[in-house]
N, C-alpha and C. Protein backbone atom coordinates (compact mmCIF):
# COMPACT_ATOMS: atom_id res chain seq x y z
N MET A 1 -64.26 -43.05 -104.91
CA MET A 1 -64.61 -43.80 -103.73
C MET A 1 -63.76 -43.29 -102.57
N SER A 2 -64.35 -43.12 -101.41
CA SER A 2 -63.58 -42.68 -100.26
C SER A 2 -63.60 -43.76 -99.18
N TYR A 3 -62.69 -43.64 -98.26
CA TYR A 3 -62.53 -44.66 -97.24
C TYR A 3 -62.52 -44.02 -95.86
N LEU A 4 -63.14 -44.69 -94.92
CA LEU A 4 -63.03 -44.32 -93.51
C LEU A 4 -62.38 -45.49 -92.81
N ILE A 5 -61.40 -45.21 -91.98
CA ILE A 5 -60.71 -46.30 -91.30
C ILE A 5 -61.01 -46.23 -89.81
N PHE A 6 -61.55 -47.31 -89.27
CA PHE A 6 -61.79 -47.49 -87.86
C PHE A 6 -60.93 -48.66 -87.41
N PRO A 7 -60.69 -48.79 -86.11
CA PRO A 7 -59.87 -49.92 -85.66
C PRO A 7 -60.43 -51.25 -86.20
N ASN A 8 -59.60 -51.97 -86.91
CA ASN A 8 -59.92 -53.29 -87.46
C ASN A 8 -60.98 -53.27 -88.55
N TYR A 9 -61.39 -52.10 -89.04
CA TYR A 9 -62.42 -52.03 -90.08
C TYR A 9 -61.99 -51.05 -91.17
N LEU A 10 -62.35 -51.37 -92.37
CA LEU A 10 -62.19 -50.45 -93.49
C LEU A 10 -63.56 -50.33 -94.13
N ILE A 11 -64.14 -49.15 -94.07
CA ILE A 11 -65.48 -48.95 -94.61
C ILE A 11 -65.35 -48.16 -95.90
N ILE A 12 -65.87 -48.71 -96.97
CA ILE A 12 -65.85 -48.03 -98.26
C ILE A 12 -67.18 -47.34 -98.46
N LEU A 13 -67.13 -46.03 -98.63
CA LEU A 13 -68.35 -45.27 -98.84
C LEU A 13 -68.47 -44.92 -100.31
N THR A 14 -69.49 -45.40 -100.94
CA THR A 14 -69.74 -45.03 -102.32
C THR A 14 -70.38 -43.65 -102.34
N MET A 15 -70.49 -43.07 -103.51
CA MET A 15 -71.13 -41.76 -103.63
C MET A 15 -72.57 -41.81 -103.14
N THR A 16 -73.25 -42.93 -103.40
CA THR A 16 -74.62 -43.08 -102.94
C THR A 16 -74.69 -43.07 -101.42
N GLU A 17 -73.78 -43.78 -100.77
CA GLU A 17 -73.76 -43.80 -99.32
C GLU A 17 -73.42 -42.43 -98.75
N LYS A 18 -72.49 -41.73 -99.38
CA LYS A 18 -72.13 -40.40 -98.92
C LYS A 18 -73.31 -39.45 -99.04
N LEU A 19 -74.04 -39.55 -100.15
CA LEU A 19 -75.22 -38.71 -100.34
C LEU A 19 -76.28 -39.04 -99.30
N ARG A 20 -76.49 -40.33 -99.06
CA ARG A 20 -77.47 -40.75 -98.04
C ARG A 20 -77.08 -40.18 -96.68
N HIS A 21 -75.81 -40.34 -96.30
CA HIS A 21 -75.36 -39.83 -95.01
C HIS A 21 -75.54 -38.31 -94.92
N ALA A 22 -75.23 -37.61 -95.99
CA ALA A 22 -75.35 -36.15 -95.99
C ALA A 22 -76.81 -35.71 -95.85
N ARG A 23 -77.70 -36.36 -96.59
CA ARG A 23 -79.12 -36.00 -96.50
C ARG A 23 -79.68 -36.31 -95.12
N VAL A 24 -79.36 -37.48 -94.60
CA VAL A 24 -79.86 -37.87 -93.28
C VAL A 24 -79.31 -36.93 -92.21
N ALA A 25 -78.03 -36.60 -92.28
CA ALA A 25 -77.45 -35.67 -91.30
C ALA A 25 -78.12 -34.30 -91.37
N TYR A 26 -78.38 -33.84 -92.59
CA TYR A 26 -79.05 -32.54 -92.74
C TYR A 26 -80.46 -32.60 -92.13
N LEU A 27 -81.21 -33.62 -92.46
CA LEU A 27 -82.58 -33.73 -91.95
C LEU A 27 -82.61 -33.82 -90.43
N ARG A 28 -81.73 -34.62 -89.87
CA ARG A 28 -81.66 -34.72 -88.40
C ARG A 28 -81.25 -33.39 -87.79
N GLY A 29 -80.26 -32.75 -88.39
CA GLY A 29 -79.79 -31.47 -87.88
C GLY A 29 -80.84 -30.37 -87.93
N GLN A 30 -81.76 -30.49 -88.89
CA GLN A 30 -82.83 -29.51 -89.02
C GLN A 30 -84.07 -29.88 -88.20
N GLY A 31 -84.00 -31.01 -87.50
CA GLY A 31 -85.09 -31.40 -86.60
C GLY A 31 -86.26 -32.11 -87.25
N TYR A 32 -86.08 -32.67 -88.44
CA TYR A 32 -87.17 -33.42 -89.07
C TYR A 32 -87.45 -34.68 -88.26
N ASN A 33 -88.70 -35.14 -88.29
CA ASN A 33 -89.04 -36.32 -87.51
C ASN A 33 -88.48 -37.59 -88.15
N LYS A 34 -88.49 -38.67 -87.38
CA LYS A 34 -87.86 -39.93 -87.80
C LYS A 34 -88.46 -40.50 -89.08
N ARG A 35 -89.75 -40.30 -89.30
CA ARG A 35 -90.38 -40.84 -90.51
C ARG A 35 -89.85 -40.15 -91.77
N VAL A 36 -89.61 -38.87 -91.68
CA VAL A 36 -89.06 -38.13 -92.83
C VAL A 36 -87.62 -38.57 -93.07
N VAL A 37 -86.84 -38.67 -92.00
CA VAL A 37 -85.44 -39.10 -92.12
C VAL A 37 -85.37 -40.49 -92.73
N LYS A 38 -86.27 -41.37 -92.32
CA LYS A 38 -86.27 -42.76 -92.80
C LYS A 38 -86.48 -42.84 -94.32
N LEU A 39 -87.17 -41.86 -94.91
CA LEU A 39 -87.36 -41.85 -96.36
C LEU A 39 -86.04 -41.85 -97.11
N PHE A 40 -85.01 -41.23 -96.53
CA PHE A 40 -83.71 -41.10 -97.20
C PHE A 40 -82.62 -41.96 -96.57
N ASP A 41 -82.96 -42.71 -95.54
CA ASP A 41 -81.96 -43.53 -94.86
C ASP A 41 -81.87 -44.92 -95.48
N ASN A 42 -81.82 -44.93 -96.81
CA ASN A 42 -81.71 -46.17 -97.57
C ASN A 42 -81.00 -45.81 -98.88
N ASN A 43 -79.98 -46.58 -99.22
CA ASN A 43 -79.24 -46.26 -100.45
C ASN A 43 -80.12 -46.26 -101.68
N LEU A 44 -81.13 -47.11 -101.72
CA LEU A 44 -82.00 -47.18 -102.89
C LEU A 44 -82.78 -45.90 -103.11
N ALA A 45 -83.04 -45.16 -102.05
CA ALA A 45 -83.77 -43.90 -102.17
C ALA A 45 -82.88 -42.81 -102.76
N ASN A 46 -81.58 -43.02 -102.76
CA ASN A 46 -80.63 -42.01 -103.21
C ASN A 46 -79.80 -42.45 -104.41
N SER A 47 -79.99 -43.66 -104.88
CA SER A 47 -79.04 -44.27 -105.81
C SER A 47 -78.98 -43.65 -107.20
N GLU A 48 -80.01 -42.99 -107.63
CA GLU A 48 -80.02 -42.44 -108.98
C GLU A 48 -79.54 -40.99 -109.04
N ASP A 49 -79.18 -40.44 -107.91
CA ASP A 49 -78.80 -39.04 -107.85
C ASP A 49 -77.30 -38.90 -108.04
N GLU A 50 -76.89 -37.87 -108.79
CA GLU A 50 -75.48 -37.69 -109.12
C GLU A 50 -75.03 -36.28 -108.79
N TYR A 51 -73.82 -36.19 -108.26
CA TYR A 51 -73.22 -34.90 -107.91
C TYR A 51 -72.42 -34.37 -109.09
N ASP A 52 -72.59 -33.09 -109.40
CA ASP A 52 -71.82 -32.44 -110.46
C ASP A 52 -70.88 -31.44 -109.80
N PRO A 53 -69.59 -31.78 -109.66
CA PRO A 53 -68.67 -30.89 -108.96
C PRO A 53 -68.44 -29.56 -109.66
N GLU A 54 -68.61 -29.50 -110.95
CA GLU A 54 -68.41 -28.24 -111.67
C GLU A 54 -69.45 -27.20 -111.28
N ASP A 55 -70.70 -27.65 -111.13
CA ASP A 55 -71.78 -26.74 -110.75
C ASP A 55 -72.06 -26.75 -109.26
N ASN A 56 -71.43 -27.69 -108.53
CA ASN A 56 -71.69 -27.88 -107.10
C ASN A 56 -73.18 -28.13 -106.85
N THR A 57 -73.75 -28.98 -107.69
CA THR A 57 -75.17 -29.31 -107.59
C THR A 57 -75.37 -30.82 -107.71
N TYR A 58 -76.53 -31.27 -107.28
CA TYR A 58 -76.93 -32.65 -107.48
C TYR A 58 -77.98 -32.71 -108.56
N THR A 59 -77.89 -33.70 -109.42
CA THR A 59 -78.94 -33.99 -110.38
C THR A 59 -79.78 -35.09 -109.76
N VAL A 60 -80.99 -34.76 -109.38
CA VAL A 60 -81.88 -35.73 -108.75
C VAL A 60 -82.69 -36.36 -109.85
N LYS A 61 -82.40 -37.61 -110.14
CA LYS A 61 -83.07 -38.32 -111.22
C LYS A 61 -84.34 -38.99 -110.72
N VAL A 62 -85.28 -39.17 -111.63
CA VAL A 62 -86.53 -39.84 -111.28
C VAL A 62 -86.22 -41.30 -111.02
N HIS A 63 -86.65 -41.78 -109.89
CA HIS A 63 -86.42 -43.17 -109.48
C HIS A 63 -87.78 -43.86 -109.45
N PRO A 64 -87.94 -44.99 -110.15
CA PRO A 64 -89.26 -45.62 -110.23
C PRO A 64 -89.84 -46.04 -108.88
N ALA A 65 -88.98 -46.32 -107.91
CA ALA A 65 -89.48 -46.74 -106.60
C ALA A 65 -89.71 -45.57 -105.66
N ARG A 66 -89.45 -44.35 -106.11
CA ARG A 66 -89.58 -43.17 -105.27
C ARG A 66 -90.69 -42.28 -105.82
N SER A 67 -91.57 -41.82 -104.96
CA SER A 67 -92.66 -40.98 -105.42
C SER A 67 -92.15 -39.64 -105.93
N ALA A 68 -92.96 -39.00 -106.76
CA ALA A 68 -92.59 -37.70 -107.31
C ALA A 68 -92.42 -36.67 -106.19
N ALA A 69 -93.23 -36.76 -105.14
CA ALA A 69 -93.14 -35.82 -104.03
C ALA A 69 -91.81 -35.99 -103.28
N VAL A 70 -91.37 -37.23 -103.10
CA VAL A 70 -90.10 -37.47 -102.42
C VAL A 70 -88.94 -37.02 -103.30
N THR A 71 -89.04 -37.24 -104.60
CA THR A 71 -88.01 -36.77 -105.53
C THR A 71 -87.89 -35.26 -105.46
N GLU A 72 -89.01 -34.57 -105.46
CA GLU A 72 -88.99 -33.10 -105.36
C GLU A 72 -88.41 -32.66 -104.01
N PHE A 73 -88.76 -33.37 -102.95
CA PHE A 73 -88.23 -33.05 -101.62
C PHE A 73 -86.72 -33.27 -101.59
N ALA A 74 -86.22 -34.29 -102.28
CA ALA A 74 -84.77 -34.53 -102.36
C ALA A 74 -84.07 -33.33 -102.98
N MET A 75 -84.69 -32.73 -103.99
CA MET A 75 -84.13 -31.54 -104.62
C MET A 75 -84.06 -30.38 -103.63
N VAL A 76 -85.12 -30.21 -102.86
CA VAL A 76 -85.16 -29.13 -101.86
C VAL A 76 -84.08 -29.36 -100.81
N ILE A 77 -83.94 -30.60 -100.35
CA ILE A 77 -82.92 -30.93 -99.34
C ILE A 77 -81.54 -30.60 -99.87
N ASP A 78 -81.24 -31.03 -101.10
CA ASP A 78 -79.91 -30.81 -101.65
C ASP A 78 -79.61 -29.33 -101.85
N GLN A 79 -80.58 -28.57 -102.30
CA GLN A 79 -80.38 -27.13 -102.45
C GLN A 79 -80.08 -26.49 -101.10
N ALA A 80 -80.84 -26.87 -100.08
CA ALA A 80 -80.64 -26.30 -98.75
C ALA A 80 -79.30 -26.74 -98.15
N ARG A 81 -78.93 -28.00 -98.35
CA ARG A 81 -77.64 -28.49 -97.84
C ARG A 81 -76.47 -27.75 -98.46
N LEU A 82 -76.51 -27.58 -99.78
CA LEU A 82 -75.42 -26.90 -100.47
C LEU A 82 -75.36 -25.43 -100.09
N LYS A 83 -76.51 -24.80 -99.91
CA LYS A 83 -76.55 -23.40 -99.49
C LYS A 83 -75.96 -23.26 -98.08
N LEU A 84 -76.30 -24.18 -97.20
CA LEU A 84 -75.79 -24.16 -95.83
C LEU A 84 -74.28 -24.41 -95.82
N ALA A 85 -73.82 -25.29 -96.67
CA ALA A 85 -72.38 -25.63 -96.73
C ALA A 85 -71.56 -24.43 -97.21
N ARG A 86 -72.14 -23.55 -98.00
CA ARG A 86 -71.42 -22.38 -98.51
C ARG A 86 -71.33 -21.26 -97.49
N ARG A 87 -72.17 -21.33 -96.45
CA ARG A 87 -72.14 -20.29 -95.42
C ARG A 87 -70.95 -20.47 -94.49
N PRO A 88 -70.38 -19.38 -94.03
CA PRO A 88 -69.30 -19.50 -93.03
C PRO A 88 -69.85 -20.10 -91.74
N ASN A 89 -69.04 -20.86 -91.05
CA ASN A 89 -69.42 -21.49 -89.77
C ASN A 89 -70.62 -22.41 -89.92
N SER A 90 -70.74 -23.09 -91.07
CA SER A 90 -71.86 -24.01 -91.25
C SER A 90 -71.49 -25.36 -90.68
N MET A 91 -72.47 -26.24 -90.71
CA MET A 91 -72.33 -27.59 -90.17
C MET A 91 -70.92 -28.02 -90.37
């Protein structure tokens, strides 16, 4: 669990929230429209996904409330985000 400290506030970011923030930031940074961003701007849309630090990959699990197309798109987003993060001078 990580923490961000703002004046008079302590915000605890769970792994799910961090993943949501990372996906949303990537989508916005790549110019996706608001409807696409909104698909991932909810912890429930990201809650079953797990990061594997050894492989530097995300395991995107099937979520019953998420369509197969959105699950597949989550995989594409994560692959692109991790590839971009490995580049010099990336986001």
